[in-house]
Amino acid sequence: MSLRNLILNHVIKNAYKHQIRLACWSCGKDVKNTESHLFCGNCKVLQEPDKKNNYFNIMGVKETYDLDETELAKKYKELQKYLHPDKFANREQKEQEISAQYSSLVNEAYKTLLEPLARGVYMLRLRGKEIPENTEVDQQFLMKIMEKNEEVENAKSKEEIMELNQENKALMKDLQKQVSTAFFDGDMKRVIKFLGVMKYYTSIDNQIQASIRSKGIIR
C-alpha cells in the first residue's frame, strides 16, 4: 500500500464524514471523493484545513467526553508522522505552509482533548456555553481547597506528596464521571457546575506535579 493510501485509508479514516464539494487549490479538481479530504485525489497535494471540523473530527476520534486516551495518543502520533512539515520540505511553498498549519492544529487539538478540564470546556463551547469567570462555589468548599493547597505546600517527603497526588487523582476521576454523566444527560448546568469545581482540583494537581518535579520524584 502506498504512503498516500496508508494516510487516507488508515490514519485519518472516518475523520471527515460530512460530504462537501471542495476544489483543490493546486489543480482545481473536485476533491469530494477523497476519504479524508486531506489530499487531492488527482494531484495528491495536501489540502487546507476545513474550518468546519472540530478537534474530535481533526483527530479522528468519537465526539464524547469519555474518549479513549490511548486511541487519541495513537491518532496524534500517526497524524504528526504524516503531516509534519519535514515531510513537505521539497514541496511547493503553499503546501509547506499548510502542513505547518495542520501540525500546529493537531498539536492544539491533542492538547485540548487530552486534558479532562480543557476537553470539557471545549465541548461546552461546541454547545455555545462557557464557564463563568466567577463561578459560585460554597465557602466551605473554598476553605477545603485552601487547606489542601497548604498541605501540598507543606509536604516535605515523597510519601506525603504522593499520597496527596493519589487523593487528588481519585477526586478528579470522580468529577470526570459526573461531568460525563451530565454531558450524556444534556444537562449543561450540571456540566458547568462540575467543571467549575474541576478547575480548583486541576490547579491543585498542577501544584502537586510541580512539587513532584522539584523533588525529583520519578513516577
N, C-alpha and C. Protein backbone atom coordinates (compact mmCIF):
# COMPACT_ATOMS: atom_id res chain seq x y z
N MET A 1 0.85 -1.20 0.00
CA MET A 1 0.00 0.00 0.00
C MET A 1 0.88 1.24 0.00
N SER A 2 0.54 2.22 -0.84
CA SER A 2 1.35 3.42 -0.95
C SER A 2 1.20 4.28 0.30
N LEU A 3 2.13 5.22 0.47
CA LEU A 3 2.10 6.11 1.62
C LEU A 3 0.82 6.91 1.64
N ARG A 4 0.41 7.43 0.46
CA ARG A 4 -0.81 8.24 0.40
C ARG A 4 -2.05 7.42 0.76
N ASN A 5 -2.12 6.19 0.24
CA ASN A 5 -3.26 5.34 0.56
C ASN A 5 -3.28 4.96 2.02
N LEU A 6 -2.08 4.78 2.60
CA LEU A 6 -1.99 4.48 4.03
C LEU A 6 -2.58 5.61 4.84
N ILE A 7 -2.25 6.84 4.43
CA ILE A 7 -2.76 8.01 5.13
C ILE A 7 -4.28 8.08 5.01
N LEU A 8 -4.76 7.89 3.78
CA LEU A 8 -6.19 8.06 3.52
C LEU A 8 -7.03 6.95 4.12
N ASN A 9 -6.54 5.72 4.07
CA ASN A 9 -7.35 4.58 4.47
C ASN A 9 -7.16 4.12 5.90
N HIS A 10 -6.08 4.54 6.53
CA HIS A 10 -5.82 4.04 7.89
C HIS A 10 -5.69 5.15 8.92
N VAL A 11 -4.88 6.14 8.64
CA VAL A 11 -4.57 7.16 9.64
C VAL A 11 -5.76 8.05 9.96
N ILE A 12 -6.40 8.57 8.93
CA ILE A 12 -7.47 9.55 9.16
C ILE A 12 -8.83 8.97 8.81
N LYS A 13 -8.97 7.67 8.86
CA LYS A 13 -10.20 7.03 8.42
C LYS A 13 -11.40 7.53 9.22
N ASN A 14 -12.42 7.91 8.51
CA ASN A 14 -13.68 8.39 9.08
C ASN A 14 -13.56 9.72 9.82
N ALA A 15 -12.44 10.43 9.65
CA ALA A 15 -12.28 11.69 10.37
C ALA A 15 -13.14 12.80 9.78
N TYR A 16 -13.36 12.79 8.48
CA TYR A 16 -14.11 13.84 7.83
C TYR A 16 -15.32 13.22 7.12
N LYS A 17 -16.41 13.06 7.83
CA LYS A 17 -17.53 12.29 7.34
C LYS A 17 -18.51 13.13 6.51
N HIS A 18 -18.57 14.45 6.77
CA HIS A 18 -19.54 15.24 6.05
C HIS A 18 -19.12 15.37 4.59
N GLN A 19 -20.07 15.30 3.69
CA GLN A 19 -19.79 15.35 2.26
C GLN A 19 -19.96 16.78 1.74
N ILE A 20 -18.88 17.40 1.33
CA ILE A 20 -18.92 18.73 0.77
C ILE A 20 -18.04 18.75 -0.46
N ARG A 21 -18.36 19.65 -1.37
CA ARG A 21 -17.61 19.73 -2.61
C ARG A 21 -16.49 20.77 -2.43
N LEU A 22 -15.26 20.32 -2.59
CA LEU A 22 -14.10 21.18 -2.43
C LEU A 22 -13.27 21.14 -3.70
N ALA A 23 -12.72 22.27 -4.02
CA ALA A 23 -11.83 22.35 -5.18
C ALA A 23 -10.40 22.40 -4.70
N CYS A 24 -9.54 21.56 -5.28
CA CYS A 24 -8.13 21.54 -4.91
C CYS A 24 -7.49 22.88 -5.24
N TRP A 25 -6.71 23.41 -4.30
CA TRP A 25 -6.07 24.71 -4.50
C TRP A 25 -4.97 24.63 -5.56
N SER A 26 -4.47 23.41 -5.82
CA SER A 26 -3.36 23.24 -6.75
C SER A 26 -3.82 22.97 -8.19
N CYS A 27 -4.73 21.97 -8.35
CA CYS A 27 -5.15 21.59 -9.71
C CYS A 27 -6.57 22.00 -10.04
N GLY A 28 -7.33 22.43 -9.04
CA GLY A 28 -8.70 22.87 -9.27
C GLY A 28 -9.73 21.77 -9.38
N LYS A 29 -9.31 20.52 -9.25
CA LYS A 29 -10.23 19.40 -9.37
C LYS A 29 -11.05 19.25 -8.09
N ASP A 30 -12.23 18.60 -8.27
CA ASP A 30 -13.10 18.33 -7.13
C ASP A 30 -12.47 17.24 -6.28
N VAL A 31 -12.33 17.50 -4.96
CA VAL A 31 -11.70 16.52 -4.08
C VAL A 31 -12.70 15.83 -3.18
N LYS A 32 -14.00 15.90 -3.50
CA LYS A 32 -15.04 15.34 -2.63
C LYS A 32 -14.91 13.83 -2.48
N ASN A 33 -14.29 13.15 -3.44
CA ASN A 33 -14.22 11.70 -3.38
C ASN A 33 -13.06 11.17 -2.54
N THR A 34 -12.18 12.06 -2.08
CA THR A 34 -11.11 11.60 -1.20
C THR A 34 -11.70 11.35 0.18
N GLU A 35 -11.35 10.24 0.79
CA GLU A 35 -12.00 9.81 2.03
C GLU A 35 -11.78 10.79 3.17
N SER A 36 -10.61 11.38 3.27
CA SER A 36 -10.32 12.23 4.40
C SER A 36 -10.35 13.71 4.07
N HIS A 37 -10.37 14.05 2.81
CA HIS A 37 -10.29 15.44 2.36
C HIS A 37 -8.93 16.07 2.68
N LEU A 38 -7.97 15.27 3.12
CA LEU A 38 -6.65 15.82 3.40
C LEU A 38 -5.85 16.01 2.11
N PHE A 39 -5.96 15.07 1.21
CA PHE A 39 -5.17 15.12 -0.01
C PHE A 39 -6.08 15.10 -1.24
N CYS A 40 -5.66 15.81 -2.25
CA CYS A 40 -6.39 15.79 -3.51
C CYS A 40 -6.24 14.42 -4.16
N GLY A 41 -7.35 13.85 -4.61
CA GLY A 41 -7.29 12.54 -5.25
C GLY A 41 -6.67 12.59 -6.63
N ASN A 42 -6.55 13.79 -7.19
CA ASN A 42 -5.99 13.92 -8.53
C ASN A 42 -4.49 14.19 -8.50
N CYS A 43 -4.07 15.26 -7.80
CA CYS A 43 -2.65 15.64 -7.81
C CYS A 43 -1.93 15.28 -6.51
N LYS A 44 -2.69 14.78 -5.51
CA LYS A 44 -2.11 14.25 -4.27
C LYS A 44 -1.53 15.31 -3.33
N VAL A 45 -1.82 16.57 -3.56
CA VAL A 45 -1.26 17.60 -2.66
C VAL A 45 -2.13 17.73 -1.42
N LEU A 46 -1.52 18.17 -0.34
CA LEU A 46 -2.21 18.37 0.93
C LEU A 46 -3.17 19.56 0.81
N GLN A 47 -4.40 19.36 1.27
CA GLN A 47 -5.41 20.42 1.19
C GLN A 47 -5.43 21.27 2.45
N GLU A 48 -6.02 22.43 2.36
CA GLU A 48 -6.11 23.32 3.50
C GLU A 48 -7.09 22.77 4.54
N PRO A 49 -6.86 23.04 5.81
CA PRO A 49 -7.76 22.53 6.86
C PRO A 49 -9.19 23.02 6.65
N ASP A 50 -10.14 22.16 6.91
CA ASP A 50 -11.55 22.51 6.83
C ASP A 50 -11.95 23.17 8.14
N LYS A 51 -12.31 24.44 8.09
CA LYS A 51 -12.63 25.19 9.30
C LYS A 51 -13.90 24.69 9.99
N LYS A 52 -14.69 23.88 9.27
CA LYS A 52 -15.92 23.35 9.86
C LYS A 52 -15.65 22.16 10.78
N ASN A 53 -14.47 21.61 10.70
CA ASN A 53 -14.15 20.44 11.52
C ASN A 53 -13.76 20.84 12.94
N ASN A 54 -14.32 20.16 13.94
CA ASN A 54 -13.89 20.40 15.31
C ASN A 54 -12.72 19.50 15.64
N TYR A 55 -12.20 19.62 16.86
CA TYR A 55 -11.00 18.89 17.25
C TYR A 55 -11.19 17.38 17.21
N PHE A 56 -12.39 16.92 17.53
CA PHE A 56 -12.65 15.48 17.50
C PHE A 56 -12.52 14.94 16.08
N ASN A 57 -13.11 15.67 15.12
CA ASN A 57 -13.02 15.26 13.72
C ASN A 57 -11.59 15.31 13.21
N ILE A 58 -10.88 16.35 13.60
CA ILE A 58 -9.49 16.50 13.17
C ILE A 58 -8.64 15.32 13.65
N MET A 59 -8.88 14.89 14.89
CA MET A 59 -8.11 13.78 15.45
C MET A 59 -8.67 12.42 15.04
N GLY A 60 -9.87 12.41 14.47
CA GLY A 60 -10.45 11.14 14.03
C GLY A 60 -10.93 10.27 15.17
N VAL A 61 -11.45 10.91 16.25
CA VAL A 61 -11.97 10.17 17.39
C VAL A 61 -13.42 10.55 17.63
N LYS A 62 -14.13 9.69 18.34
CA LYS A 62 -15.54 9.92 18.63
C LYS A 62 -15.72 11.14 19.51
N GLU A 63 -16.75 11.95 19.21
CA GLU A 63 -17.01 13.14 20.00
C GLU A 63 -17.74 12.76 21.28
N THR A 64 -16.97 12.50 22.31
CA THR A 64 -17.51 12.13 23.61
C THR A 64 -16.54 12.55 24.70
N TYR A 65 -17.08 12.84 25.88
CA TYR A 65 -16.19 13.21 26.98
C TYR A 65 -15.35 12.02 27.41
N ASP A 66 -15.92 10.81 27.28
CA ASP A 66 -15.21 9.60 27.70
C ASP A 66 -14.38 9.02 26.55
N LEU A 67 -13.61 9.86 25.91
CA LEU A 67 -12.81 9.36 24.79
C LEU A 67 -11.68 8.47 25.28
N ASP A 68 -11.22 7.61 24.39
CA ASP A 68 -10.13 6.68 24.70
C ASP A 68 -8.80 7.43 24.53
N GLU A 69 -8.14 7.72 25.65
CA GLU A 69 -6.89 8.50 25.60
C GLU A 69 -5.78 7.75 24.86
N THR A 70 -5.80 6.41 24.94
CA THR A 70 -4.81 5.62 24.23
C THR A 70 -5.01 5.76 22.72
N GLU A 71 -6.26 5.71 22.29
CA GLU A 71 -6.57 5.89 20.87
C GLU A 71 -6.20 7.29 20.42
N LEU A 72 -6.50 8.28 21.27
CA LEU A 72 -6.17 9.67 20.94
C LEU A 72 -4.67 9.84 20.75
N ALA A 73 -3.87 9.26 21.65
CA ALA A 73 -2.42 9.36 21.54
C ALA A 73 -1.91 8.69 20.27
N LYS A 74 -2.52 7.57 19.92
CA LYS A 74 -2.13 6.85 18.71
C LYS A 74 -2.43 7.69 17.47
N LYS A 75 -3.62 8.28 17.44
CA LYS A 75 -4.00 9.12 16.31
C LYS A 75 -3.06 10.32 16.18
N TYR A 76 -2.71 10.89 17.33
CA TYR A 76 -1.82 12.05 17.34
C TYR A 76 -0.46 11.71 16.73
N LYS A 77 0.11 10.60 17.17
CA LYS A 77 1.42 10.20 16.66
C LYS A 77 1.38 9.93 15.16
N GLU A 78 0.30 9.30 14.71
CA GLU A 78 0.17 8.98 13.30
C GLU A 78 0.01 10.24 12.46
N LEU A 79 -0.84 11.15 12.94
CA LEU A 79 -1.06 12.39 12.22
C LEU A 79 0.22 13.21 12.11
N GLN A 80 0.92 13.34 13.22
CA GLN A 80 2.16 14.13 13.21
C GLN A 80 3.23 13.46 12.36
N LYS A 81 3.21 12.15 12.32
CA LYS A 81 4.19 11.43 11.49
C LYS A 81 4.01 11.75 10.01
N TYR A 82 2.75 11.83 9.57
CA TYR A 82 2.49 12.02 8.16
C TYR A 82 2.26 13.48 7.75
N LEU A 83 1.95 14.34 8.72
CA LEU A 83 1.67 15.74 8.39
C LEU A 83 2.78 16.69 8.82
N HIS A 84 3.83 16.17 9.43
CA HIS A 84 4.91 17.04 9.91
C HIS A 84 5.53 17.81 8.74
N PRO A 85 5.81 19.09 8.95
CA PRO A 85 6.39 19.93 7.88
C PRO A 85 7.63 19.35 7.23
N ASP A 86 8.42 18.56 7.96
CA ASP A 86 9.63 17.98 7.37
C ASP A 86 9.30 17.07 6.19
N LYS A 87 8.10 16.50 6.19
CA LYS A 87 7.68 15.62 5.11
C LYS A 87 7.43 16.38 3.81
N PHE A 88 7.29 17.71 3.94
CA PHE A 88 6.94 18.52 2.78
C PHE A 88 8.04 19.52 2.43
N ALA A 89 9.24 19.23 2.88
CA ALA A 89 10.36 20.15 2.67
C ALA A 89 10.65 20.41 1.19
N ASN A 90 10.38 19.42 0.34
CA ASN A 90 10.65 19.56 -1.09
C ASN A 90 9.41 19.86 -1.92
N ARG A 91 8.32 20.20 -1.23
CA ARG A 91 7.08 20.50 -1.93
C ARG A 91 6.92 22.01 -2.12
N GLU A 92 5.84 22.42 -2.78
CA GLU A 92 5.59 23.83 -3.01
C GLU A 92 5.47 24.58 -1.69
N GLN A 93 5.78 25.88 -1.73
CA GLN A 93 5.75 26.71 -0.53
C GLN A 93 4.39 26.67 0.16
N LYS A 94 3.31 26.74 -0.62
CA LYS A 94 1.98 26.74 -0.02
C LYS A 94 1.70 25.44 0.70
N GLU A 95 2.12 24.31 0.11
CA GLU A 95 1.89 23.02 0.76
C GLU A 95 2.71 22.92 2.04
N GLN A 96 3.90 23.50 2.04
CA GLN A 96 4.71 23.53 3.26
C GLN A 96 3.98 24.32 4.35
N GLU A 97 3.39 25.45 3.96
CA GLU A 97 2.67 26.29 4.92
C GLU A 97 1.44 25.56 5.46
N ILE A 98 0.75 24.83 4.58
CA ILE A 98 -0.43 24.08 5.00
C ILE A 98 -0.04 22.98 5.99
N SER A 99 1.06 22.29 5.71
CA SER A 99 1.50 21.22 6.61
C SER A 99 1.86 21.78 7.98
N ALA A 100 2.48 22.96 8.00
CA ALA A 100 2.83 23.59 9.27
C ALA A 100 1.56 23.98 10.02
N GLN A 101 0.57 24.46 9.28
CA GLN A 101 -0.71 24.83 9.88
C GLN A 101 -1.41 23.60 10.46
N TYR A 102 -1.38 22.51 9.70
CA TYR A 102 -2.00 21.28 10.17
C TYR A 102 -1.28 20.73 11.41
N SER A 103 0.03 20.76 11.39
CA SER A 103 0.81 20.26 12.51
C SER A 103 0.48 21.02 13.78
N SER A 104 0.37 22.34 13.67
CA SER A 104 0.02 23.17 14.81
C SER A 104 -1.40 22.89 15.28
N LEU A 105 -2.31 22.71 14.32
CA LEU A 105 -3.70 22.44 14.64
C LEU A 105 -3.85 21.10 15.36
N VAL A 106 -3.13 20.10 14.90
CA VAL A 106 -3.18 18.77 15.52
C VAL A 106 -2.61 18.84 16.94
N ASN A 107 -1.54 19.61 17.12
CA ASN A 107 -0.96 19.78 18.46
C ASN A 107 -1.98 20.38 19.42
N GLU A 108 -2.64 21.43 18.97
CA GLU A 108 -3.63 22.11 19.80
C GLU A 108 -4.83 21.21 20.09
N ALA A 109 -5.29 20.47 19.08
CA ALA A 109 -6.42 19.56 19.26
C ALA A 109 -6.08 18.47 20.27
N TYR A 110 -4.88 17.90 20.14
CA TYR A 110 -4.46 16.83 21.04
C TYR A 110 -4.34 17.33 22.48
N LYS A 111 -3.71 18.47 22.64
CA LYS A 111 -3.52 19.05 23.97
C LYS A 111 -4.86 19.33 24.64
N THR A 112 -5.80 19.86 23.87
CA THR A 112 -7.12 20.20 24.40
C THR A 112 -7.92 18.97 24.79
N LEU A 113 -7.96 17.98 23.91
CA LEU A 113 -8.78 16.80 24.16
C LEU A 113 -8.18 15.86 25.20
N LEU A 114 -6.87 15.93 25.39
CA LEU A 114 -6.21 15.04 26.35
C LEU A 114 -6.53 15.41 27.79
N GLU A 115 -6.61 16.70 28.09
CA GLU A 115 -6.83 17.16 29.45
C GLU A 115 -8.32 17.18 29.77
N PRO A 116 -8.75 16.52 30.85
CA PRO A 116 -10.18 16.44 31.20
C PRO A 116 -10.88 17.79 31.30
N LEU A 117 -10.23 18.77 31.95
CA LEU A 117 -10.86 20.08 32.10
C LEU A 117 -10.96 20.79 30.75
N ALA A 118 -9.85 20.83 30.02
CA ALA A 118 -9.84 21.51 28.72
C ALA A 118 -10.82 20.86 27.76
N ARG A 119 -10.90 19.53 27.80
CA ARG A 119 -11.83 18.80 26.94
C ARG A 119 -13.27 19.18 27.26
N GLY A 120 -13.59 19.25 28.55
CA GLY A 120 -14.95 19.62 28.96
C GLY A 120 -15.30 21.04 28.56
N VAL A 121 -14.37 21.97 28.76
CA VAL A 121 -14.60 23.36 28.39
C VAL A 121 -14.79 23.48 26.89
N TYR A 122 -13.99 22.73 26.12
CA TYR A 122 -14.11 22.77 24.66
C TYR A 122 -15.46 22.22 24.21
N MET A 123 -15.90 21.12 24.82
CA MET A 123 -17.20 20.56 24.47
C MET A 123 -18.33 21.50 24.83
N LEU A 124 -18.17 22.24 25.92
CA LEU A 124 -19.16 23.27 26.27
C LEU A 124 -19.24 24.33 25.18
N ARG A 125 -18.08 24.77 24.71
CA ARG A 125 -18.05 25.82 23.69
C ARG A 125 -18.67 25.34 22.38
N LEU A 126 -18.51 24.05 22.07
CA LEU A 126 -19.16 23.50 20.89
C LEU A 126 -20.68 23.60 21.01
N ARG A 127 -21.17 23.68 22.25
CA ARG A 127 -22.60 23.79 22.50
C ARG A 127 -23.01 25.22 22.84
N GLY A 128 -22.10 26.15 22.59
CA GLY A 128 -22.40 27.56 22.79
C GLY A 128 -22.43 28.01 24.23
N LYS A 129 -21.74 27.26 25.12
CA LYS A 129 -21.73 27.59 26.55
C LYS A 129 -20.31 27.89 27.02
N GLU A 130 -20.21 28.60 28.14
CA GLU A 130 -18.92 28.91 28.75
C GLU A 130 -19.03 28.77 30.27
N ILE A 131 -17.90 28.52 30.91
CA ILE A 131 -17.86 28.54 32.37
C ILE A 131 -17.70 29.99 32.81
N PRO A 132 -18.58 30.53 33.65
CA PRO A 132 -18.43 31.91 34.11
C PRO A 132 -17.09 32.12 34.79
N GLU A 133 -16.51 33.29 34.60
CA GLU A 133 -15.22 33.59 35.22
C GLU A 133 -15.31 33.48 36.74
N ASN A 134 -16.37 34.02 37.29
CA ASN A 134 -16.57 33.97 38.74
C ASN A 134 -17.60 32.90 39.07
N THR A 135 -17.14 31.65 39.09
CA THR A 135 -18.04 30.55 39.39
C THR A 135 -18.40 30.56 40.87
N GLU A 136 -19.70 30.49 41.14
CA GLU A 136 -20.15 30.49 42.53
C GLU A 136 -19.89 29.13 43.17
N VAL A 137 -19.16 29.15 44.27
CA VAL A 137 -18.89 27.91 44.99
C VAL A 137 -19.13 28.14 46.48
N ASP A 138 -19.40 27.07 47.16
CA ASP A 138 -19.66 27.13 48.59
C ASP A 138 -18.42 27.57 49.34
N GLN A 139 -18.60 28.44 50.35
CA GLN A 139 -17.46 28.94 51.13
C GLN A 139 -16.74 27.82 51.85
N GLN A 140 -17.49 26.82 52.29
CA GLN A 140 -16.87 25.67 52.96
C GLN A 140 -15.96 24.92 51.99
N PHE A 141 -16.40 24.84 50.72
CA PHE A 141 -15.59 24.19 49.70
C PHE A 141 -14.30 24.98 49.46
N LEU A 142 -14.41 26.31 49.41
CA LEU A 142 -13.22 27.15 49.22
C LEU A 142 -12.22 26.97 50.36
N MET A 143 -12.73 26.85 51.57
CA MET A 143 -11.85 26.63 52.72
C MET A 143 -11.14 25.28 52.57
N LYS A 144 -11.86 24.29 52.10
CA LYS A 144 -11.29 22.96 51.88
C LYS A 144 -10.17 23.01 50.85
N ILE A 145 -10.38 23.78 49.79
CA ILE A 145 -9.37 23.93 48.73
C ILE A 145 -8.14 24.64 49.27
N MET A 146 -8.36 25.69 50.06
CA MET A 146 -7.24 26.42 50.65
C MET A 146 -6.41 25.51 51.56
N GLU A 147 -7.09 24.70 52.34
CA GLU A 147 -6.39 23.77 53.23
C GLU A 147 -5.58 22.75 52.44
N LYS A 148 -6.16 22.29 51.33
CA LYS A 148 -5.46 21.31 50.50
C LYS A 148 -4.22 21.93 49.86
N ASN A 149 -4.35 23.18 49.44
CA ASN A 149 -3.19 23.88 48.88
C ASN A 149 -2.07 24.00 49.90
N GLU A 150 -2.43 24.28 51.13
CA GLU A 150 -1.44 24.39 52.21
C GLU A 150 -0.77 23.04 52.46
N GLU A 151 -1.55 21.97 52.39
CA GLU A 151 -1.00 20.63 52.58
C GLU A 151 0.06 20.33 51.53
N VAL A 152 -0.24 20.73 50.28
CA VAL A 152 0.72 20.49 49.19
C VAL A 152 1.98 21.31 49.41
N GLU A 153 1.79 22.56 49.79
CA GLU A 153 2.93 23.45 50.02
C GLU A 153 3.81 22.94 51.15
N ASN A 154 3.19 22.36 52.15
CA ASN A 154 3.93 21.92 53.35
C ASN A 154 4.45 20.49 53.26
N ALA A 155 4.08 19.78 52.20
CA ALA A 155 4.52 18.39 52.05
C ALA A 155 6.03 18.35 51.81
N LYS A 156 6.74 17.66 52.66
CA LYS A 156 8.20 17.61 52.57
C LYS A 156 8.74 16.30 51.99
N SER A 157 8.09 15.23 52.33
CA SER A 157 8.59 13.92 51.92
C SER A 157 7.92 13.41 50.65
N LYS A 158 8.55 12.44 50.03
CA LYS A 158 7.99 11.79 48.84
C LYS A 158 6.66 11.12 49.19
N GLU A 159 6.60 10.49 50.35
CA GLU A 159 5.38 9.79 50.77
C GLU A 159 4.21 10.75 50.90
N GLU A 160 4.48 11.92 51.48
CA GLU A 160 3.40 12.90 51.69
C GLU A 160 2.85 13.41 50.36
N ILE A 161 3.73 13.80 49.47
CA ILE A 161 3.28 14.38 48.20
C ILE A 161 2.60 13.34 47.33
N MET A 162 3.10 12.10 47.35
CA MET A 162 2.49 11.05 46.54
C MET A 162 1.12 10.63 47.08
N GLU A 163 0.95 10.71 48.40
CA GLU A 163 -0.37 10.42 48.98
C GLU A 163 -1.37 11.50 48.57
N LEU A 164 -0.93 12.75 48.60
CA LEU A 164 -1.78 13.85 48.15
C LEU A 164 -2.11 13.72 46.67
N ASN A 165 -1.14 13.27 45.91
CA ASN A 165 -1.33 13.07 44.48
C ASN A 165 -2.40 12.01 44.22
N GLN A 166 -2.31 10.92 44.95
CA GLN A 166 -3.27 9.83 44.79
C GLN A 166 -4.68 10.28 45.17
N GLU A 167 -4.79 11.03 46.26
CA GLU A 167 -6.10 11.51 46.72
C GLU A 167 -6.72 12.45 45.68
N ASN A 168 -5.91 13.35 45.15
CA ASN A 168 -6.43 14.32 44.20
C ASN A 168 -6.82 13.66 42.88
N LYS A 169 -6.04 12.67 42.45
CA LYS A 169 -6.36 11.94 41.23
C LYS A 169 -7.70 11.23 41.36
N ALA A 170 -7.96 10.68 42.56
CA ALA A 170 -9.23 9.98 42.80
C ALA A 170 -10.41 10.95 42.74
N LEU A 171 -10.22 12.15 43.30
CA LEU A 171 -11.26 13.17 43.26
C LEU A 171 -11.52 13.62 41.82
N MET A 172 -10.44 13.79 41.05
CA MET A 172 -10.57 14.19 39.66
C MET A 172 -11.30 13.13 38.84
N LYS A 173 -10.98 11.88 39.11
CA LYS A 173 -11.63 10.79 38.39
C LYS A 173 -13.12 10.76 38.66
N ASP A 174 -13.50 11.00 39.92
CA ASP A 174 -14.91 11.03 40.28
C ASP A 174 -15.61 12.21 39.60
N LEU A 175 -14.95 13.35 39.55
CA LEU A 175 -15.52 14.52 38.89
C LEU A 175 -15.71 14.26 37.39
N GLN A 176 -14.76 13.58 36.78
CA GLN A 176 -14.86 13.26 35.36
C GLN A 176 -16.09 12.41 35.08
N LYS A 177 -16.38 11.48 35.97
CA LYS A 177 -17.57 10.64 35.82
C LYS A 177 -18.83 11.48 35.89
N GLN A 178 -18.84 12.45 36.79
CA GLN A 178 -20.01 13.32 36.94
C GLN A 178 -20.18 14.22 35.72
N VAL A 179 -19.06 14.73 35.21
CA VAL A 179 -19.13 15.56 34.00
C VAL A 179 -19.64 14.73 32.83
N SER A 180 -19.14 13.52 32.71
CA SER A 180 -19.55 12.64 31.63
C SER A 180 -21.05 12.36 31.67
N THR A 181 -21.55 12.07 32.86
CA THR A 181 -22.98 11.80 33.03
C THR A 181 -23.81 13.03 32.68
N ALA A 182 -23.33 14.19 33.10
CA ALA A 182 -24.06 15.43 32.81
C ALA A 182 -24.09 15.71 31.31
N PHE A 183 -22.99 15.47 30.61
CA PHE A 183 -22.98 15.64 29.16
C PHE A 183 -23.95 14.66 28.50
N PHE A 184 -23.92 13.42 28.98
CA PHE A 184 -24.79 12.39 28.42
C PHE A 184 -26.27 12.76 28.61
N ASP A 185 -26.59 13.36 29.76
CA ASP A 185 -27.96 13.78 30.05
C ASP A 185 -28.34 15.09 29.35
N GLY A 186 -27.32 15.76 28.79
CA GLY A 186 -27.58 17.04 28.15
C GLY A 186 -27.84 18.17 29.13
N ASP A 187 -27.40 17.99 30.37
CA ASP A 187 -27.62 18.98 31.43
C ASP A 187 -26.39 19.88 31.52
N MET A 188 -26.41 20.98 30.77
CA MET A 188 -25.25 21.87 30.72
C MET A 188 -25.03 22.62 32.04
N LYS A 189 -26.08 22.82 32.80
CA LYS A 189 -25.93 23.49 34.10
C LYS A 189 -25.07 22.64 35.03
N ARG A 190 -25.32 21.34 35.02
CA ARG A 190 -24.51 20.44 35.84
C ARG A 190 -23.09 20.34 35.30
N VAL A 191 -22.96 20.32 33.99
CA VAL A 191 -21.63 20.28 33.38
C VAL A 191 -20.82 21.49 33.84
N ILE A 192 -21.43 22.66 33.76
CA ILE A 192 -20.74 23.89 34.17
C ILE A 192 -20.37 23.85 35.65
N LYS A 193 -21.29 23.34 36.45
CA LYS A 193 -21.04 23.24 37.90
C LYS A 193 -19.85 22.34 38.19
N PHE A 194 -19.84 21.14 37.60
CA PHE A 194 -18.77 20.18 37.88
C PHE A 194 -17.44 20.64 37.29
N LEU A 195 -17.46 21.26 36.12
CA LEU A 195 -16.21 21.76 35.53
C LEU A 195 -15.67 22.93 36.35
N GLY A 196 -16.58 23.71 36.94
CA GLY A 196 -16.14 24.80 37.81
C GLY A 196 -15.40 24.28 39.02
N VAL A 197 -15.88 23.17 39.58
CA VAL A 197 -15.20 22.52 40.70
C VAL A 197 -13.89 21.90 40.23
N MET A 198 -13.92 21.31 39.03
CA MET A 198 -12.73 20.67 38.49
C MET A 198 -11.58 21.65 38.31
N LYS A 199 -11.91 22.91 38.04
CA LYS A 199 -10.86 23.93 37.88
C LYS A 199 -9.98 24.00 39.12
N TYR A 200 -10.61 23.94 40.29
CA TYR A 200 -9.85 24.03 41.53
C TYR A 200 -8.96 22.81 41.74
N TYR A 201 -9.50 21.63 41.47
CA TYR A 201 -8.71 20.41 41.67
C TYR A 201 -7.62 20.27 40.59
N THR A 202 -7.88 20.83 39.42
CA THR A 202 -6.84 20.84 38.38
C THR A 202 -5.70 21.75 38.81
N SER A 203 -6.02 22.86 39.43
CA SER A 203 -4.99 23.77 39.95
C SER A 203 -4.16 23.08 41.01
N ILE A 204 -4.82 22.33 41.89
CA ILE A 204 -4.09 21.57 42.91
C ILE A 204 -3.20 20.51 42.26
N ASP A 205 -3.73 19.85 41.23
CA ASP A 205 -2.94 18.84 40.53
C ASP A 205 -1.69 19.45 39.92
N ASN A 206 -1.83 20.62 39.32
CA ASN A 206 -0.66 21.31 38.75
C ASN A 206 0.37 21.61 39.82
N GLN A 207 -0.12 22.02 40.99
CA GLN A 207 0.78 22.31 42.11
C GLN A 207 1.49 21.05 42.58
N ILE A 208 0.75 19.95 42.65
CA ILE A 208 1.33 18.68 43.09
C ILE A 208 2.38 18.20 42.10
N GLN A 209 2.07 18.28 40.80
CA GLN A 209 3.02 17.82 39.78
C GLN A 209 4.29 18.67 39.79
N ALA A 210 4.14 19.96 40.05
CA ALA A 210 5.31 20.83 40.15
C ALA A 210 6.17 20.43 41.35
N SER A 211 5.52 20.08 42.45
CA SER A 211 6.24 19.64 43.64
C SER A 211 6.96 18.32 43.38
N ILE A 212 6.30 17.42 42.68
CA ILE A 212 6.89 16.13 42.35
C ILE A 212 8.15 16.33 41.49
N ARG A 213 8.05 17.23 40.51
CA ARG A 213 9.22 17.50 39.65
C ARG A 213 10.36 18.14 40.43
N SER A 214 10.00 19.08 41.30
CA SER A 214 11.02 19.77 42.07
C SER A 214 11.75 18.85 43.04
N LYS A 215 11.06 17.80 43.48
CA LYS A 215 11.66 16.83 44.40
C LYS A 215 12.38 15.70 43.66
N GLY A 216 12.31 15.74 42.33
CA GLY A 216 12.99 14.74 41.53
C GLY A 216 12.40 13.36 41.65
N ILE A 217 11.09 13.30 41.92
CA ILE A 217 10.41 12.01 42.07
C ILE A 217 10.06 11.46 40.69
N ILE A 218 10.49 10.25 40.41
CA ILE A 218 10.16 9.60 39.15
C ILE A 218 8.90 8.79 39.33
N ARG A 219 7.85 9.13 38.54
CA ARG A 219 6.55 8.47 38.69
C ARG A 219 6.49 7.25 37.80
